[in-house]
């Protein structure tokens, strides 16, 4: 029998010494948890009762052997199909990681914000909206909905969602988030969009500030 995949990566304990909430950060294609844990370092003083966790994706990246991927990119064939198959494969691994984390901390979905960048944002949306109990929130930087036409039939919970995207993104164009917002709203989800002007495939300062406001509302409101 194949052993289940276990994720691991950098973690920042709550600055107060007692975590009342969790922010799980999913990195992009070819990166690793050390990249997004920088967001936790930025936010830690503002949210002292929050622990930040940035797991490495389960596969070594095909395009960068020093990084990881949630699923492989298939640039030669149907990219939408590739994303659908990849997301469906990776989502149970992320769900198992979250369940282990909740068991270890005594916290749960209602105490957790799931955030991601690029491919990690796709996975945050794909996984978080299919959890039976709603998360505290989802933040998707430079992402999109994988197979949005299937979401209505697979949606299990409706956490608030913040979509942040640079208007100059040439890797995952801003239309990904612009198209996602009305789909989410039509499903009864509080989905907000912040377009970061002059920003490419990155998290701009204004987008980071928008995410900080969202976190403050969700974690301290």
Foldseek 3Di string as FASTA:
>chain_A
DDDAFAWADDKDAQQVNAAPAEEEEEEAAFAAQVVVCVLVVVCRVVGRNYMYGYTFARAQHPVHNVGGHLFYQDPPDDRLVRLVVSLVVSLVNVVVNQVVVCVVRVHHQQRYEYEYAANSLQNQVSNQQQDQDHHLEYEYELYAHRPLVCCLVRGRDAHAYEYEYECAEPPRHPVRLVVRQVSNVVSVHNYYYDYDYPDYRDQDPVNSVVVSVVCCVSNVD
